[in-house]
């Protein structure tokens, strides 16, 4: 969770009465979600779902889904899926799959 602390800079002067130093600590990063599972597959797409592990900090508000091995990005490197999609739930419809081609997926959680 974010930590905000305000400290007065001077104690008695009327000119300094509203001057503060503010310290803000960023929220701790959420842990990685469980690996995604394809719960519904079609010829060229798959519905992926995942679970968040227990975490006492600020919960995840967005997810980044990445794939490796698709025909479009068959470079052996991870590529972001749905680059223009805001993923706020624990599921994603992965499009543009090629029948018979192995594709790997991973998910990252964000809370800021």
Foldseek 3Di string as FASTA:
>chain_A
DKDWDWDQPDDDDPVRPPDIDIDIDDWDFFDFWDFWDFPDDDQFKTKTFTGGDDDPIQDFQFKWKWKEFAPVHPPRDIDTAPPVDTHRHRIDIGGGHHPPTDMGMGMGTGRD
